[in-house]
Amino acid sequence: MRLVITKVLIVGPDPADVDFADPSLPPEVTAEIIRNDIVKGEEDLRAAGHDVATLYIPSDSAGLGGLAERLAREPVDCVLIGGGAGFRPAICRCSRPSST
């Protein structure tokens, strides 16, 4: 049996951009806890035989350009979008690019 290594890129907002004052978040959640969870996910994927990298998207809309550049420079087999990448305005100080 041949092992196929999949190149995985984990994408999401930088945990430093999360507004931890938001009352909808559990009070014990911190950027450190989020980063540790991301590292654990990376370790699990590597243990499963995948090549893994993480890209934090800055809170401004220019971050999406950085993602496009990264994918053009280093194609991947899978993009895993982190739980915070929905840019929930209530918890993340992020702005969406205009759709026009």
C-alpha atoms as a PDB file:
ATOM      1  CA  MET A   1       0.000   0.000   0.000  1.00  0.00           C
ATOM      2  CA  ARG A   2       1.366   3.419  -0.977  1.00  0.00           C
ATOM      3  CA  LEU A   3       1.055   6.271   1.514  1.00  0.00           C
ATOM      4  CA  VAL A   4      -0.123   9.514  -0.063  1.00  0.00           C
ATOM      5  CA  ILE A   5       0.934  12.624   1.834  1.00  0.00           C
ATOM      6  CA  THR A   6      -1.548  15.433   1.465  1.00  0.00           C
ATOM      7  CA  LYS A   7      -0.382  19.042   1.671  1.00  0.00           C
ATOM      8  CA  VAL A   8      -2.767  20.806   4.037  1.00  0.00           C
ATOM      9  CA  LEU A   9      -2.969  24.545   4.674  1.00  0.00           C
ATOM     10  CA  ILE A  10      -4.850  25.593   7.804  1.00  0.00           C
ATOM     11  CA  VAL A  11      -6.276  29.095   7.357  1.00  0.00           C
ATOM     12  CA  GLY A  12      -7.894  31.374   9.902  1.00  0.00           C
ATOM     13  CA  PRO A  13      -7.720  34.702  11.652  1.00  0.00           C
ATOM     14  CA  ASP A  14      -4.870  35.325  14.033  1.00  0.00           C
ATOM     15  CA  PRO A  15      -6.022  34.493  17.572  1.00  0.00           C
ATOM     16  CA  ALA A  16      -4.587  37.876  18.594  1.00  0.00           C
ATOM     17  CA  ASP A  17      -7.419  39.487  16.585  1.00  0.00           C
ATOM     18  CA  VAL A  18     -10.167  37.856  18.646  1.00  0.00           C
ATOM     19  CA  ASP A  19     -12.090  40.233  20.898  1.00  0.00           C
ATOM     20  CA  PHE A  20     -12.017  38.311  24.162  1.00  0.00           C
ATOM     21  CA  ALA A  21     -14.249  40.916  25.824  1.00  0.00           C
ATOM     22  CA  ASP A  22     -17.189  39.567  23.811  1.00  0.00           C
ATOM     23  CA  PRO A  23     -19.663  38.073  26.288  1.00  0.00           C
ATOM     24  CA  SER A  24     -20.588  35.262  23.874  1.00  0.00           C
ATOM     25  CA  LEU A  25     -17.152  33.713  24.409  1.00  0.00           C
ATOM     26  CA  PRO A  26     -16.474  31.596  27.457  1.00  0.00           C
ATOM     27  CA  PRO A  27     -14.423  33.717  29.868  1.00  0.00           C
ATOM     28  CA  GLU A  28     -11.614  31.156  30.025  1.00  0.00           C
ATOM     29  CA  VAL A  29     -10.865  31.335  26.265  1.00  0.00           C
ATOM     30  CA  THR A  30      -7.595  33.086  25.444  1.00  0.00           C
ATOM     31  CA  ALA A  31      -5.395  33.516  22.372  1.00  0.00           C
ATOM     32  CA  GLU A  32      -2.980  31.040  23.957  1.00  0.00           C
ATOM     33  CA  ILE A  33      -5.704  28.382  24.268  1.00  0.00           C
ATOM     34  CA  ILE A  34      -6.723  28.901  20.642  1.00  0.00           C
ATOM     35  CA  ARG A  35      -3.103  28.719  19.443  1.00  0.00           C
ATOM     36  CA  ASN A  36      -2.544  25.533  21.476  1.00  0.00           C
ATOM     37  CA  ASP A  37      -5.626  23.972  19.853  1.00  0.00           C
ATOM     38  CA  ILE A  38      -4.287  24.887  16.414  1.00  0.00           C
ATOM     39  CA  VAL A  39      -0.914  23.314  17.237  1.00  0.00           C
ATOM     40  CA  LYS A  40      -2.693  20.171  18.455  1.00  0.00           C
ATOM     41  CA  GLY A  41      -4.608  20.001  15.166  1.00  0.00           C
ATOM     42  CA  GLU A  42      -1.357  20.373  13.238  1.00  0.00           C
ATOM     43  CA  GLU A  43       0.235  17.584  15.275  1.00  0.00           C
ATOM     44  CA  ASP A  44      -2.745  15.289  14.691  1.00  0.00           C
ATOM     45  CA  LEU A  45      -2.652  15.891  10.949  1.00  0.00           C
ATOM     46  CA  ARG A  46       1.114  15.302  10.828  1.00  0.00           C
ATOM     47  CA  ALA A  47       0.683  12.090  12.822  1.00  0.00           C
ATOM     48  CA  ALA A  48      -1.793  10.989  10.143  1.00  0.00           C
ATOM     49  CA  GLY A  49       0.940  11.516   7.534  1.00  0.00           C
ATOM     50  CA  HIS A  50       0.045  14.926   6.160  1.00  0.00           C
ATOM     51  CA  ASP A  51       2.324  17.871   5.385  1.00  0.00           C
ATOM     52  CA  VAL A  52       0.775  20.775   7.313  1.00  0.00           C
ATOM     53  CA  ALA A  53       1.234  24.546   7.407  1.00  0.00           C
ATOM     54  CA  THR A  54      -0.828  27.291   9.041  1.00  0.00           C
ATOM     55  CA  LEU A  55      -1.531  30.741   7.658  1.00  0.00           C
ATOM     56  CA  TYR A  56      -3.073  33.379   9.888  1.00  0.00           C
ATOM     57  CA  ILE A  57      -5.102  35.898   7.927  1.00  0.00           C
ATOM     58  CA  PRO A  58      -4.601  39.475   9.145  1.00  0.00           C
ATOM     59  CA  SER A  59      -7.680  41.350  10.277  1.00  0.00           C
ATOM     60  CA  ASP A  60      -7.654  43.666   7.260  1.00  0.00           C
ATOM     61  CA  SER A  61      -8.921  42.607   3.848  1.00  0.00           C
ATOM     62  CA  ALA A  62      -5.357  42.540   2.466  1.00  0.00           C
ATOM     63  CA  GLY A  63      -4.993  39.179   4.186  1.00  0.00           C
ATOM     64  CA  LEU A  64      -7.008  37.498   1.473  1.00  0.00           C
ATOM     65  CA  GLY A  65      -4.438  38.650  -1.071  1.00  0.00           C
ATOM     66  CA  GLY A  66      -1.774  37.007   1.061  1.00  0.00           C
ATOM     67  CA  LEU A  67      -3.724  33.771   0.957  1.00  0.00           C
ATOM     68  CA  ALA A  68      -3.988  33.941  -2.841  1.00  0.00           C
ATOM     69  CA  GLU A  69      -0.249  34.600  -3.110  1.00  0.00           C
ATOM     70  CA  ARG A  70       0.556  31.716  -0.780  1.00  0.00           C
ATOM     71  CA  LEU A  71      -1.600  29.298  -2.768  1.00  0.00           C
ATOM     72  CA  ALA A  72      -0.058  30.455  -6.051  1.00  0.00           C
ATOM     73  CA  ARG A  73       3.455  30.028  -4.626  1.00  0.00           C
ATOM     74  CA  GLU A  74       2.781  26.754  -2.801  1.00  0.00           C
ATOM     75  CA  PRO A  75      -0.197  24.779  -4.110  1.00  0.00           C
ATOM     76  CA  VAL A  76      -1.866  22.501  -1.565  1.00  0.00           C
ATOM     77  CA  ASP A  77      -4.231  19.554  -1.729  1.00  0.00           C
ATOM     78  CA  CYS A  78      -6.521  20.757   1.030  1.00  0.00           C
ATOM     79  CA  VAL A  79      -7.366  24.083   2.672  1.00  0.00           C
ATOM     80  CA  LEU A  80      -8.738  23.648   6.179  1.00  0.00           C
ATOM     81  CA  ILE A  81     -10.622  26.746   7.285  1.00  0.00           C
ATOM     82  CA  GLY A  82     -10.367  27.307  11.022  1.00  0.00           C
ATOM     83  CA  GLY A  83     -13.389  27.791  13.228  1.00  0.00           C
ATOM     84  CA  GLY A  84     -12.895  31.544  13.442  1.00  0.00           C
ATOM     85  CA  ALA A  85     -12.482  32.116   9.730  1.00  0.00           C
ATOM     86  CA  GLY A  86     -16.132  33.043   9.367  1.00  0.00           C
ATOM     87  CA  PHE A  87     -15.044  36.456  10.680  1.00  0.00           C
ATOM     88  CA  ARG A  88     -17.885  36.737  13.185  1.00  0.00           C
ATOM     89  CA  PRO A  89     -17.816  40.494  13.802  1.00  0.00           C
ATOM     90  CA  ALA A  90     -18.880  39.982  17.407  1.00  0.00           C
ATOM     91  CA  ILE A  91     -15.667  38.159  18.310  1.00  0.00           C
ATOM     92  CA  CYS A  92     -13.121  39.137  15.689  1.00  0.00           C
ATOM     93  CA  ARG A  93     -11.883  42.597  14.827  1.00  0.00           C
ATOM     94  CA  CYS A  94     -11.871  41.782  11.124  1.00  0.00           C
ATOM     95  CA  SER A  95     -13.264  43.466   8.067  1.00  0.00           C
ATOM     96  CA  ARG A  96     -14.589  41.774   4.977  1.00  0.00           C
ATOM     97  CA  PRO A  97     -13.583  42.967   1.528  1.00  0.00           C
ATOM     98  CA  SER A  98     -16.286  44.721  -0.434  1.00  0.00           C
ATOM     99  CA  SER A  99     -18.164  42.474  -2.848  1.00  0.00           C
ATOM    100  CA  THR A 100     -18.431  45.239  -5.432  1.00  0.00           C
END
